[in-house]
Amino acid sequence: MEEESVGVDKTSTVYGGRTVEECQDMIRRSLRTPTVKFLMEHLAKSGCAIGDNFIKAVHCNRKMSGGYVRGNGIMVCSNHMNLQDDVNQVIIHELIHAYDECRAANLNWSNCAHHACSEIRAGHLSGDCHYKRELLRGYIKMRGHEQDCVRRRVMKSVTANPYCSEAAAKDAMEAVWDICYNDTKPFDRAP
């Protein structure tokens, strides 16, 4: 995928959220957090050490918080970031995608099952679906909220893949759910 396919506008720096420069400072702070450091260490141990410019702040035209693009690294959408915790969360989520691609030499993002598996893992392992985050999004459920959230977010992401219809995304998610949800690498267990 090219940067243009995710709606990056390199000419503008301010549109709500943070400026690219402010977000880049937040990224630098994020690189010092324990979970980000842990994931970066495991990427390096897996033979995929990342360079200084692997994670960058950009202005995004589409409503998204960030993304991982093979060959380009991780983009954090500055104009959709307000809090340091938001930046940390995006980076952790996207580093899990980078880790998945590193350890699975044949990962194909146009394959709905491959995409769904990485999204299941990223949603489950990154804390995207922590109870407090779900409450802030307006989802109130006492039991089973985490798996419901992961499923909802997997469907949102995989159906945005031009190679995956809604039916194909749902079938792919269901087919790989148990294996991918229970795969907690590089963590010993889900954080």
N, C-alpha and C. Protein backbone atom coordinates (compact mmCIF):
# COMPACT_ATOMS: atom_id res chain seq x y z
N MET A 1 0.84 -1.18 0.00
CA MET A 1 0.00 0.00 0.00
C MET A 1 0.89 1.24 0.00
N GLU A 2 0.50 2.21 -0.75
CA GLU A 2 1.23 3.48 -0.79
C GLU A 2 0.61 4.42 0.23
N GLU A 3 1.36 5.45 0.60
CA GLU A 3 0.85 6.41 1.58
C GLU A 3 -0.45 7.06 1.12
N GLU A 4 -0.56 7.35 -0.18
CA GLU A 4 -1.77 8.00 -0.67
C GLU A 4 -3.01 7.16 -0.43
N SER A 5 -2.85 5.83 -0.38
CA SER A 5 -4.00 4.96 -0.20
C SER A 5 -4.57 5.05 1.21
N VAL A 6 -3.83 5.62 2.14
CA VAL A 6 -4.36 5.79 3.48
C VAL A 6 -4.72 7.25 3.75
N GLY A 7 -4.70 8.08 2.74
CA GLY A 7 -5.17 9.45 2.87
C GLY A 7 -4.22 10.39 3.56
N VAL A 8 -2.94 10.28 3.31
CA VAL A 8 -1.97 11.16 3.95
C VAL A 8 -1.82 12.43 3.14
N ASP A 9 -1.88 13.56 3.82
CA ASP A 9 -1.65 14.85 3.19
C ASP A 9 -0.41 15.45 3.84
N LYS A 10 0.70 15.49 3.11
CA LYS A 10 1.96 15.96 3.67
C LYS A 10 2.08 17.48 3.65
N THR A 11 1.14 18.18 3.04
CA THR A 11 1.28 19.63 2.91
C THR A 11 0.66 20.38 4.09
N SER A 12 -0.32 19.82 4.73
CA SER A 12 -1.01 20.51 5.81
C SER A 12 -0.58 19.93 7.15
N THR A 13 -0.44 20.79 8.16
CA THR A 13 -0.03 20.28 9.46
C THR A 13 -1.06 20.51 10.56
N VAL A 14 -2.02 21.37 10.37
CA VAL A 14 -2.97 21.62 11.44
C VAL A 14 -4.40 21.44 10.94
N TYR A 15 -5.16 20.59 11.59
CA TYR A 15 -6.58 20.43 11.33
C TYR A 15 -7.14 19.68 12.52
N GLY A 16 -7.49 20.39 13.58
CA GLY A 16 -7.91 19.72 14.80
C GLY A 16 -6.74 18.95 15.38
N GLY A 17 -6.98 18.22 16.45
CA GLY A 17 -5.92 17.40 17.01
C GLY A 17 -4.65 18.17 17.28
N ARG A 18 -3.54 17.59 16.90
CA ARG A 18 -2.22 18.18 17.12
C ARG A 18 -1.53 18.49 15.80
N THR A 19 -0.53 19.35 15.87
CA THR A 19 0.28 19.58 14.68
C THR A 19 1.18 18.36 14.49
N VAL A 20 1.74 18.22 13.32
CA VAL A 20 2.67 17.13 13.05
C VAL A 20 3.85 17.21 14.02
N GLU A 21 4.34 18.41 14.28
CA GLU A 21 5.48 18.59 15.17
C GLU A 21 5.13 18.18 16.60
N GLU A 22 3.96 18.60 17.08
CA GLU A 22 3.53 18.21 18.43
C GLU A 22 3.39 16.69 18.53
N CYS A 23 2.81 16.10 17.51
CA CYS A 23 2.62 14.66 17.50
C CYS A 23 3.96 13.93 17.45
N GLN A 24 4.92 14.47 16.71
CA GLN A 24 6.24 13.85 16.64
C GLN A 24 6.89 13.85 18.03
N ASP A 25 6.69 14.91 18.81
CA ASP A 25 7.17 14.94 20.19
C ASP A 25 6.48 13.87 21.03
N MET A 26 5.19 13.69 20.81
CA MET A 26 4.44 12.67 21.55
C MET A 26 4.94 11.27 21.17
N ILE A 27 5.30 11.08 19.91
CA ILE A 27 5.86 9.80 19.47
C ILE A 27 7.17 9.54 20.20
N ARG A 28 8.02 10.56 20.31
CA ARG A 28 9.30 10.40 21.02
C ARG A 28 9.07 9.98 22.47
N ARG A 29 8.05 10.56 23.11
CA ARG A 29 7.72 10.16 24.49
C ARG A 29 7.21 8.72 24.52
N SER A 30 6.42 8.36 23.55
CA SER A 30 5.87 7.01 23.48
C SER A 30 6.96 5.95 23.37
N LEU A 31 8.04 6.28 22.66
CA LEU A 31 9.13 5.32 22.46
C LEU A 31 9.82 4.95 23.77
N ARG A 32 9.56 5.72 24.83
CA ARG A 32 10.15 5.42 26.14
C ARG A 32 9.22 4.62 27.04
N THR A 33 7.99 4.32 26.59
CA THR A 33 7.06 3.57 27.43
C THR A 33 7.42 2.09 27.40
N PRO A 34 7.16 1.37 28.49
CA PRO A 34 7.57 -0.03 28.59
C PRO A 34 7.02 -0.94 27.48
N THR A 35 5.76 -0.82 27.14
CA THR A 35 5.18 -1.72 26.14
C THR A 35 5.76 -1.45 24.76
N VAL A 36 5.93 -0.18 24.41
CA VAL A 36 6.53 0.15 23.11
C VAL A 36 7.96 -0.35 23.05
N LYS A 37 8.72 -0.13 24.12
CA LYS A 37 10.11 -0.62 24.16
C LYS A 37 10.15 -2.14 24.03
N PHE A 38 9.25 -2.83 24.72
CA PHE A 38 9.17 -4.29 24.68
C PHE A 38 8.91 -4.77 23.24
N LEU A 39 7.94 -4.16 22.57
CA LEU A 39 7.62 -4.57 21.20
C LEU A 39 8.76 -4.28 20.24
N MET A 40 9.41 -3.14 20.41
CA MET A 40 10.53 -2.81 19.53
C MET A 40 11.71 -3.77 19.75
N GLU A 41 11.94 -4.16 21.00
CA GLU A 41 12.99 -5.14 21.30
C GLU A 41 12.67 -6.48 20.63
N HIS A 42 11.41 -6.88 20.67
CA HIS A 42 11.03 -8.16 20.07
C HIS A 42 11.04 -8.11 18.55
N LEU A 43 10.77 -6.96 17.99
CA LEU A 43 10.95 -6.81 16.54
C LEU A 43 12.42 -7.01 16.18
N ALA A 44 13.30 -6.40 16.94
CA ALA A 44 14.74 -6.54 16.69
C ALA A 44 15.19 -7.99 16.87
N LYS A 45 14.72 -8.66 17.93
CA LYS A 45 15.07 -10.06 18.17
C LYS A 45 14.57 -10.97 17.04
N SER A 46 13.51 -10.55 16.39
CA SER A 46 12.93 -11.34 15.29
C SER A 46 13.60 -11.01 13.95
N GLY A 47 14.60 -10.14 14.00
CA GLY A 47 15.32 -9.79 12.78
C GLY A 47 14.76 -8.60 12.03
N CYS A 48 13.89 -7.85 12.68
CA CYS A 48 13.24 -6.71 12.02
C CYS A 48 13.44 -5.43 12.83
N ALA A 49 14.68 -5.10 13.12
CA ALA A 49 14.95 -3.85 13.82
C ALA A 49 14.44 -2.69 12.97
N ILE A 50 13.93 -1.67 13.62
CA ILE A 50 13.35 -0.55 12.89
C ILE A 50 14.21 0.69 13.06
N GLY A 51 14.23 1.51 12.03
CA GLY A 51 15.03 2.73 12.04
C GLY A 51 14.35 3.88 12.74
N ASP A 52 15.06 4.99 12.81
CA ASP A 52 14.56 6.18 13.50
C ASP A 52 13.30 6.76 12.87
N ASN A 53 13.14 6.62 11.57
CA ASN A 53 12.01 7.23 10.87
C ASN A 53 10.88 6.23 10.62
N PHE A 54 10.88 5.10 11.31
CA PHE A 54 9.86 4.07 11.11
C PHE A 54 8.49 4.53 11.59
N ILE A 55 8.45 5.32 12.65
CA ILE A 55 7.19 5.82 13.21
C ILE A 55 7.19 7.33 13.01
N LYS A 56 6.20 7.82 12.25
CA LYS A 56 6.19 9.25 11.96
C LYS A 56 4.78 9.83 12.07
N ALA A 57 4.75 11.09 12.43
CA ALA A 57 3.50 11.83 12.50
C ALA A 57 3.19 12.38 11.12
N VAL A 58 1.93 12.28 10.71
CA VAL A 58 1.48 12.83 9.44
C VAL A 58 0.08 13.42 9.64
N HIS A 59 -0.32 14.24 8.69
CA HIS A 59 -1.69 14.76 8.66
C HIS A 59 -2.48 13.82 7.76
N CYS A 60 -3.62 13.32 8.25
CA CYS A 60 -4.42 12.37 7.47
C CYS A 60 -5.73 13.00 7.04
N ASN A 61 -6.10 12.78 5.79
CA ASN A 61 -7.37 13.28 5.28
C ASN A 61 -8.54 12.41 5.73
N ARG A 62 -8.30 11.12 5.85
CA ARG A 62 -9.36 10.20 6.29
C ARG A 62 -9.43 10.18 7.80
N LYS A 63 -10.62 9.86 8.33
CA LYS A 63 -10.80 9.77 9.78
C LYS A 63 -10.23 8.44 10.25
N MET A 64 -8.98 8.50 10.68
CA MET A 64 -8.29 7.33 11.20
C MET A 64 -7.21 7.82 12.15
N SER A 65 -6.80 6.94 13.04
CA SER A 65 -5.80 7.36 14.02
C SER A 65 -4.38 7.05 13.57
N GLY A 66 -4.23 6.11 12.66
CA GLY A 66 -2.91 5.77 12.17
C GLY A 66 -2.96 4.52 11.34
N GLY A 67 -1.79 4.02 10.98
CA GLY A 67 -1.74 2.82 10.19
C GLY A 67 -0.32 2.32 10.00
N TYR A 68 -0.24 1.06 9.65
CA TYR A 68 1.04 0.45 9.31
C TYR A 68 1.03 0.20 7.82
N VAL A 69 2.08 0.62 7.14
CA VAL A 69 2.20 0.41 5.71
C VAL A 69 3.51 -0.31 5.44
N ARG A 70 3.40 -1.51 4.86
CA ARG A 70 4.60 -2.30 4.55
C ARG A 70 5.59 -1.44 3.77
N GLY A 71 6.82 -1.44 4.23
CA GLY A 71 7.88 -0.71 3.53
C GLY A 71 7.99 0.76 3.94
N ASN A 72 6.92 1.30 4.54
CA ASN A 72 6.94 2.71 4.95
C ASN A 72 6.92 2.89 6.46
N GLY A 73 6.46 1.91 7.18
CA GLY A 73 6.42 2.00 8.64
C GLY A 73 5.07 2.39 9.18
N ILE A 74 5.10 3.03 10.33
CA ILE A 74 3.89 3.40 11.06
C ILE A 74 3.65 4.90 10.93
N MET A 75 2.41 5.23 10.62
CA MET A 75 1.99 6.63 10.56
C MET A 75 1.02 6.88 11.71
N VAL A 76 1.20 7.98 12.40
CA VAL A 76 0.28 8.42 13.44
C VAL A 76 -0.38 9.69 12.91
N CYS A 77 -1.68 9.70 12.83
CA CYS A 77 -2.42 10.85 12.27
C CYS A 77 -2.51 11.96 13.31
N SER A 78 -1.64 12.94 13.19
CA SER A 78 -1.53 14.01 14.19
C SER A 78 -2.85 14.75 14.38
N ASN A 79 -3.59 14.95 13.29
CA ASN A 79 -4.82 15.73 13.38
C ASN A 79 -5.97 14.98 14.05
N HIS A 80 -5.75 13.70 14.40
CA HIS A 80 -6.75 12.94 15.14
C HIS A 80 -6.24 12.52 16.51
N MET A 81 -5.13 13.11 16.94
CA MET A 81 -4.53 12.80 18.24
C MET A 81 -4.69 14.01 19.15
N ASN A 82 -5.04 13.74 20.40
CA ASN A 82 -5.11 14.82 21.38
C ASN A 82 -4.31 14.48 22.63
N LEU A 83 -4.31 13.22 23.02
CA LEU A 83 -3.69 12.80 24.27
C LEU A 83 -2.48 11.91 24.02
N GLN A 84 -1.53 11.95 24.93
CA GLN A 84 -0.36 11.06 24.84
C GLN A 84 -0.80 9.61 24.83
N ASP A 85 -1.80 9.27 25.62
CA ASP A 85 -2.29 7.90 25.67
C ASP A 85 -2.82 7.44 24.31
N ASP A 86 -3.43 8.35 23.55
CA ASP A 86 -3.91 8.00 22.21
C ASP A 86 -2.75 7.64 21.29
N VAL A 87 -1.69 8.42 21.35
CA VAL A 87 -0.51 8.15 20.53
C VAL A 87 0.12 6.82 20.93
N ASN A 88 0.27 6.59 22.24
CA ASN A 88 0.83 5.33 22.72
C ASN A 88 0.01 4.15 22.20
N GLN A 89 -1.30 4.28 22.26
CA GLN A 89 -2.20 3.20 21.85
C GLN A 89 -2.04 2.89 20.36
N VAL A 90 -2.01 3.91 19.54
CA VAL A 90 -1.84 3.71 18.09
C VAL A 90 -0.52 3.01 17.81
N ILE A 91 0.54 3.48 18.44
CA ILE A 91 1.86 2.90 18.18
C ILE A 91 1.90 1.44 18.61
N ILE A 92 1.35 1.11 19.77
CA ILE A 92 1.33 -0.29 20.22
C ILE A 92 0.55 -1.15 19.22
N HIS A 93 -0.62 -0.70 18.83
CA HIS A 93 -1.46 -1.44 17.87
C HIS A 93 -0.69 -1.69 16.57
N GLU A 94 -0.10 -0.65 16.04
CA GLU A 94 0.60 -0.77 14.76
C GLU A 94 1.90 -1.56 14.88
N LEU A 95 2.57 -1.50 16.01
CA LEU A 95 3.77 -2.32 16.20
C LEU A 95 3.43 -3.80 16.21
N ILE A 96 2.24 -4.15 16.69
CA ILE A 96 1.82 -5.56 16.63
C ILE A 96 1.66 -5.99 15.18
N HIS A 97 1.11 -5.12 14.33
CA HIS A 97 1.03 -5.44 12.90
C HIS A 97 2.43 -5.62 12.31
N ALA A 98 3.35 -4.73 12.67
CA ALA A 98 4.73 -4.84 12.17
C ALA A 98 5.37 -6.14 12.65
N TYR A 99 5.12 -6.51 13.89
CA TYR A 99 5.65 -7.75 14.44
C TYR A 99 5.07 -8.96 13.69
N ASP A 100 3.77 -8.91 13.44
CA ASP A 100 3.13 -10.02 12.70
C ASP A 100 3.75 -10.17 11.33
N GLU A 101 3.97 -9.07 10.65
CA GLU A 101 4.56 -9.13 9.33
C GLU A 101 6.00 -9.65 9.40
N CYS A 102 6.72 -9.29 10.43
CA CYS A 102 8.10 -9.73 10.59
C CYS A 102 8.18 -11.24 10.79
N ARG A 103 7.33 -11.77 11.66
CA ARG A 103 7.44 -13.20 11.98
C ARG A 103 6.74 -14.10 10.98
N ALA A 104 5.87 -13.56 10.16
CA ALA A 104 5.19 -14.36 9.14
C ALA A 104 5.65 -13.86 7.78
N ALA A 105 6.65 -14.49 7.25
CA ALA A 105 7.27 -14.02 6.00
C ALA A 105 6.28 -13.94 4.84
N ASN A 106 5.20 -14.70 4.92
CA ASN A 106 4.24 -14.72 3.81
C ASN A 106 2.95 -13.95 4.12
N LEU A 107 2.96 -13.05 5.10
CA LEU A 107 1.74 -12.31 5.41
C LEU A 107 1.34 -11.47 4.20
N ASN A 108 0.10 -11.61 3.80
CA ASN A 108 -0.43 -10.94 2.62
C ASN A 108 -1.63 -10.09 3.06
N TRP A 109 -1.47 -8.77 3.08
CA TRP A 109 -2.52 -7.89 3.58
C TRP A 109 -3.77 -7.90 2.70
N SER A 110 -3.69 -8.39 1.47
CA SER A 110 -4.89 -8.48 0.63
C SER A 110 -5.65 -9.78 0.90
N ASN A 111 -5.07 -10.68 1.69
CA ASN A 111 -5.74 -11.91 2.10
C ASN A 111 -6.58 -11.57 3.34
N CYS A 112 -7.88 -11.71 3.25
CA CYS A 112 -8.78 -11.30 4.34
C CYS A 112 -8.47 -12.02 5.65
N ALA A 113 -8.12 -13.30 5.58
CA ALA A 113 -7.82 -14.06 6.80
C ALA A 113 -6.53 -13.56 7.44
N HIS A 114 -5.52 -13.27 6.64
CA HIS A 114 -4.26 -12.74 7.19
C HIS A 114 -4.52 -11.39 7.86
N HIS A 115 -5.25 -10.52 7.16
CA HIS A 115 -5.54 -9.19 7.70
C HIS A 115 -6.35 -9.33 9.00
N ALA A 116 -7.38 -10.17 8.97
CA ALA A 116 -8.23 -10.36 10.15
C ALA A 116 -7.42 -10.86 11.34
N CYS A 117 -6.52 -11.81 11.09
CA CYS A 117 -5.72 -12.36 12.18
C CYS A 117 -4.87 -11.28 12.84
N SER A 118 -4.21 -10.47 12.04
CA SER A 118 -3.37 -9.42 12.62
C SER A 118 -4.22 -8.39 13.35
N GLU A 119 -5.40 -8.09 12.84
CA GLU A 119 -6.29 -7.15 13.53
C GLU A 119 -6.82 -7.73 14.84
N ILE A 120 -7.13 -9.02 14.85
CA ILE A 120 -7.57 -9.67 16.09
C ILE A 120 -6.47 -9.55 17.14
N ARG A 121 -5.26 -9.89 16.74
CA ARG A 121 -4.13 -9.83 17.66
C ARG A 121 -3.88 -8.40 18.14
N ALA A 122 -3.88 -7.44 17.22
CA ALA A 122 -3.62 -6.05 17.60
C ALA A 122 -4.71 -5.52 18.51
N GLY A 123 -5.96 -5.84 18.22
CA GLY A 123 -7.06 -5.38 19.06
C GLY A 123 -7.00 -5.99 20.46
N HIS A 124 -6.67 -7.27 20.53
CA HIS A 124 -6.63 -7.99 21.80
C HIS A 124 -5.41 -7.62 22.64
N LEU A 125 -4.25 -7.49 22.00
CA LEU A 125 -3.00 -7.33 22.73
C LEU A 125 -2.62 -5.87 23.01
N SER A 126 -3.20 -4.94 22.29
CA SER A 126 -2.79 -3.54 22.43
C SER A 126 -3.53 -2.80 23.53
N GLY A 127 -4.63 -3.33 24.00
CA GLY A 127 -5.43 -2.61 24.98
C GLY A 127 -6.48 -1.72 24.34
N ASP A 128 -6.62 -1.81 23.00
CA ASP A 128 -7.64 -1.01 22.30
C ASP A 128 -9.02 -1.20 22.91
N CYS A 129 -9.26 -2.39 23.40
CA CYS A 129 -10.61 -2.74 23.87
C CYS A 129 -10.72 -2.83 25.38
N HIS A 130 -9.81 -2.16 26.08
CA HIS A 130 -9.88 -2.09 27.53
C HIS A 130 -11.23 -1.47 27.92
N TYR A 131 -11.76 -1.90 29.04
CA TYR A 131 -13.08 -1.47 29.49
C TYR A 131 -13.23 0.06 29.50
N LYS A 132 -12.23 0.78 30.02
CA LYS A 132 -12.35 2.25 30.10
C LYS A 132 -12.43 2.88 28.72
N ARG A 133 -11.69 2.32 27.74
CA ARG A 133 -11.76 2.84 26.37
C ARG A 133 -13.15 2.61 25.78
N GLU A 134 -13.69 1.46 26.06
CA GLU A 134 -15.04 1.16 25.56
C GLU A 134 -16.08 2.09 26.19
N LEU A 135 -15.94 2.37 27.46
CA LEU A 135 -16.86 3.31 28.11
C LEU A 135 -16.78 4.69 27.46
N LEU A 136 -15.56 5.14 27.17
CA LEU A 136 -15.37 6.44 26.54
C LEU A 136 -15.96 6.48 25.13
N ARG A 137 -16.02 5.33 24.46
CA ARG A 137 -16.62 5.25 23.12
C ARG A 137 -18.14 5.11 23.19
N GLY A 138 -18.67 4.94 24.41
CA GLY A 138 -20.12 4.82 24.57
C GLY A 138 -20.63 3.39 24.55
N TYR A 139 -19.74 2.43 24.66
CA TYR A 139 -20.15 1.02 24.70
C TYR A 139 -20.11 0.56 26.15
N ILE A 140 -21.29 0.23 26.68
CA ILE A 140 -21.38 -0.16 28.08
C ILE A 140 -21.89 -1.59 28.14
N LYS A 141 -21.02 -2.48 28.54
CA LYS A 141 -21.38 -3.88 28.67
C LYS A 141 -20.51 -4.45 29.77
N MET A 142 -21.10 -5.14 30.70
CA MET A 142 -20.34 -5.63 31.85
C MET A 142 -19.52 -6.88 31.52
N ARG A 143 -20.07 -7.79 30.73
CA ARG A 143 -19.37 -9.03 30.44
C ARG A 143 -19.20 -9.20 28.94
N GLY A 144 -18.05 -9.69 28.55
CA GLY A 144 -17.80 -9.98 27.15
C GLY A 144 -17.51 -8.76 26.29
N HIS A 145 -17.27 -7.62 26.94
CA HIS A 145 -17.05 -6.39 26.16
C HIS A 145 -15.79 -6.47 25.31
N GLU A 146 -14.75 -7.11 25.83
CA GLU A 146 -13.47 -7.09 25.13
C GLU A 146 -13.55 -7.84 23.80
N GLN A 147 -14.11 -9.03 23.80
CA GLN A 147 -14.21 -9.78 22.55
C GLN A 147 -15.17 -9.11 21.58
N ASP A 148 -16.27 -8.55 22.08
CA ASP A 148 -17.20 -7.82 21.20
C ASP A 148 -16.49 -6.64 20.55
N CYS A 149 -15.71 -5.93 21.33
CA CYS A 149 -14.97 -4.78 20.83
C CYS A 149 -13.96 -5.22 19.77
N VAL A 150 -13.20 -6.26 20.05
CA VAL A 150 -12.21 -6.73 19.08
C VAL A 150 -12.92 -7.11 17.78
N ARG A 151 -14.02 -7.84 17.87
CA ARG A 151 -14.76 -8.24 16.66
C ARG A 151 -15.24 -7.02 15.87
N ARG A 152 -15.78 -6.04 16.58
CA ARG A 152 -16.30 -4.82 15.93
C ARG A 152 -15.17 -4.08 15.21
N ARG A 153 -14.03 -3.97 15.87
CA ARG A 153 -12.92 -3.22 15.30
C ARG A 153 -12.24 -4.00 14.16
N VAL A 154 -12.20 -5.32 14.27
CA VAL A 154 -11.67 -6.15 13.18
C VAL A 154 -12.54 -5.95 11.94
N MET A 155 -13.84 -6.01 12.11
CA MET A 155 -14.75 -5.84 10.96
C MET A 155 -14.58 -4.46 10.33
N LYS A 156 -14.43 -3.44 11.15
CA LYS A 156 -14.25 -2.08 10.62
C LYS A 156 -12.99 -2.00 9.77
N SER A 157 -11.91 -2.58 10.26
CA SER A 157 -10.64 -2.51 9.55
C SER A 157 -10.62 -3.40 8.30
N VAL A 158 -11.06 -4.64 8.44
CA VAL A 158 -10.97 -5.58 7.32
C VAL A 158 -11.94 -5.21 6.20
N THR A 159 -13.11 -4.69 6.54
CA THR A 159 -14.04 -4.28 5.47
C THR A 159 -13.52 -3.03 4.74
N ALA A 160 -12.59 -2.29 5.34
CA ALA A 160 -11.98 -1.16 4.65
C ALA A 160 -10.92 -1.62 3.65
N ASN A 161 -10.53 -2.88 3.73
CA ASN A 161 -9.58 -3.47 2.79
C ASN A 161 -10.30 -3.67 1.46
N PRO A 162 -9.81 -3.11 0.38
CA PRO A 162 -10.53 -3.23 -0.90
C PRO A 162 -10.66 -4.67 -1.41
N TYR A 163 -9.89 -5.59 -0.85
CA TYR A 163 -9.97 -6.99 -1.26
C TYR A 163 -10.98 -7.79 -0.44
N CYS A 164 -11.61 -7.17 0.55
CA CYS A 164 -12.47 -7.91 1.47
C CYS A 164 -13.87 -7.30 1.56
N SER A 165 -14.86 -8.02 1.08
CA SER A 165 -16.24 -7.60 1.26
C SER A 165 -16.61 -7.81 2.72
N GLU A 166 -17.78 -7.33 3.12
CA GLU A 166 -18.22 -7.51 4.50
C GLU A 166 -18.38 -9.00 4.81
N ALA A 167 -18.95 -9.75 3.88
CA ALA A 167 -19.14 -11.19 4.09
C ALA A 167 -17.79 -11.90 4.17
N ALA A 168 -16.86 -11.54 3.30
CA ALA A 168 -15.53 -12.17 3.32
C ALA A 168 -14.79 -11.83 4.61
N ALA A 169 -14.94 -10.59 5.07
CA ALA A 169 -14.29 -10.17 6.31
C ALA A 169 -14.83 -10.96 7.50
N LYS A 170 -16.16 -11.10 7.55
CA LYS A 170 -16.78 -11.84 8.66
C LYS A 170 -16.37 -13.31 8.63
N ASP A 171 -16.42 -13.92 7.46
CA ASP A 171 -16.00 -15.32 7.34
C ASP A 171 -14.55 -15.51 7.74
N ALA A 172 -13.69 -14.60 7.29
CA ALA A 172 -12.26 -14.68 7.61
C ALA A 172 -12.04 -14.53 9.12
N MET A 173 -12.71 -13.57 9.71
CA MET A 173 -12.56 -13.34 11.15
C MET A 173 -12.99 -14.58 11.94
N GLU A 174 -14.12 -15.13 11.59
CA GLU A 174 -14.62 -16.32 12.30
C GLU A 174 -13.68 -17.51 12.10
N ALA A 175 -13.14 -17.66 10.90
CA ALA A 175 -12.27 -18.80 10.60
C ALA A 175 -10.98 -18.77 11.40
N VAL A 176 -10.43 -17.59 11.67
CA VAL A 176 -9.13 -17.50 12.35
C VAL A 176 -9.24 -17.06 13.81
N TRP A 177 -10.44 -16.79 14.28
CA TRP A 177 -10.63 -16.20 15.60
C TRP A 177 -9.89 -16.94 16.71
N ASP A 178 -10.16 -18.22 16.91
CA ASP A 178 -9.59 -18.95 18.05
C ASP A 178 -8.07 -18.96 18.02
N ILE A 179 -7.51 -19.26 16.88
CA ILE A 179 -6.04 -19.33 16.77
C ILE A 179 -5.42 -17.95 17.02
N CYS A 180 -5.96 -16.93 16.39
CA CYS A 180 -5.35 -15.60 16.46
C CYS A 180 -5.61 -14.91 17.79
N TYR A 181 -6.79 -15.09 18.35
CA TYR A 181 -7.11 -14.46 19.64
C TYR A 181 -6.23 -15.05 20.74
N ASN A 182 -5.93 -16.32 20.64
CA ASN A 182 -5.11 -16.99 21.66
C ASN A 182 -3.62 -16.89 21.42
N ASP A 183 -3.21 -16.33 20.29
CA ASP A 183 -1.80 -16.14 19.99
C ASP A 183 -1.36 -14.81 20.60
N THR A 184 -0.61 -14.88 21.68
CA THR A 184 -0.23 -13.66 22.41
C THR A 184 1.22 -13.25 22.17
N LYS A 185 1.91 -13.87 21.25
CA LYS A 185 3.31 -13.54 20.99
C LYS A 185 3.43 -12.07 20.60
N PRO A 186 4.42 -11.33 21.03
CA PRO A 186 5.57 -11.75 21.82
C PRO A 186 5.32 -11.73 23.33
N PHE A 187 4.10 -11.43 23.75
CA PHE A 187 3.77 -11.42 25.18
C PHE A 187 3.55 -12.85 25.66
N ASP A 188 3.79 -13.09 26.95
CA ASP A 188 3.50 -14.41 27.53
C ASP A 188 1.99 -14.62 27.63
N ARG A 189 1.29 -13.54 27.88
CA ARG A 189 -0.18 -13.57 27.95
C ARG A 189 -0.67 -12.19 27.52
N ALA A 190 -1.95 -12.07 27.28
CA ALA A 190 -2.51 -10.78 26.87
C ALA A 190 -2.27 -9.75 27.97
N PRO A 191 -1.71 -8.61 27.63
CA PRO A 191 -1.44 -7.57 28.65
C PRO A 191 -2.71 -7.02 29.28
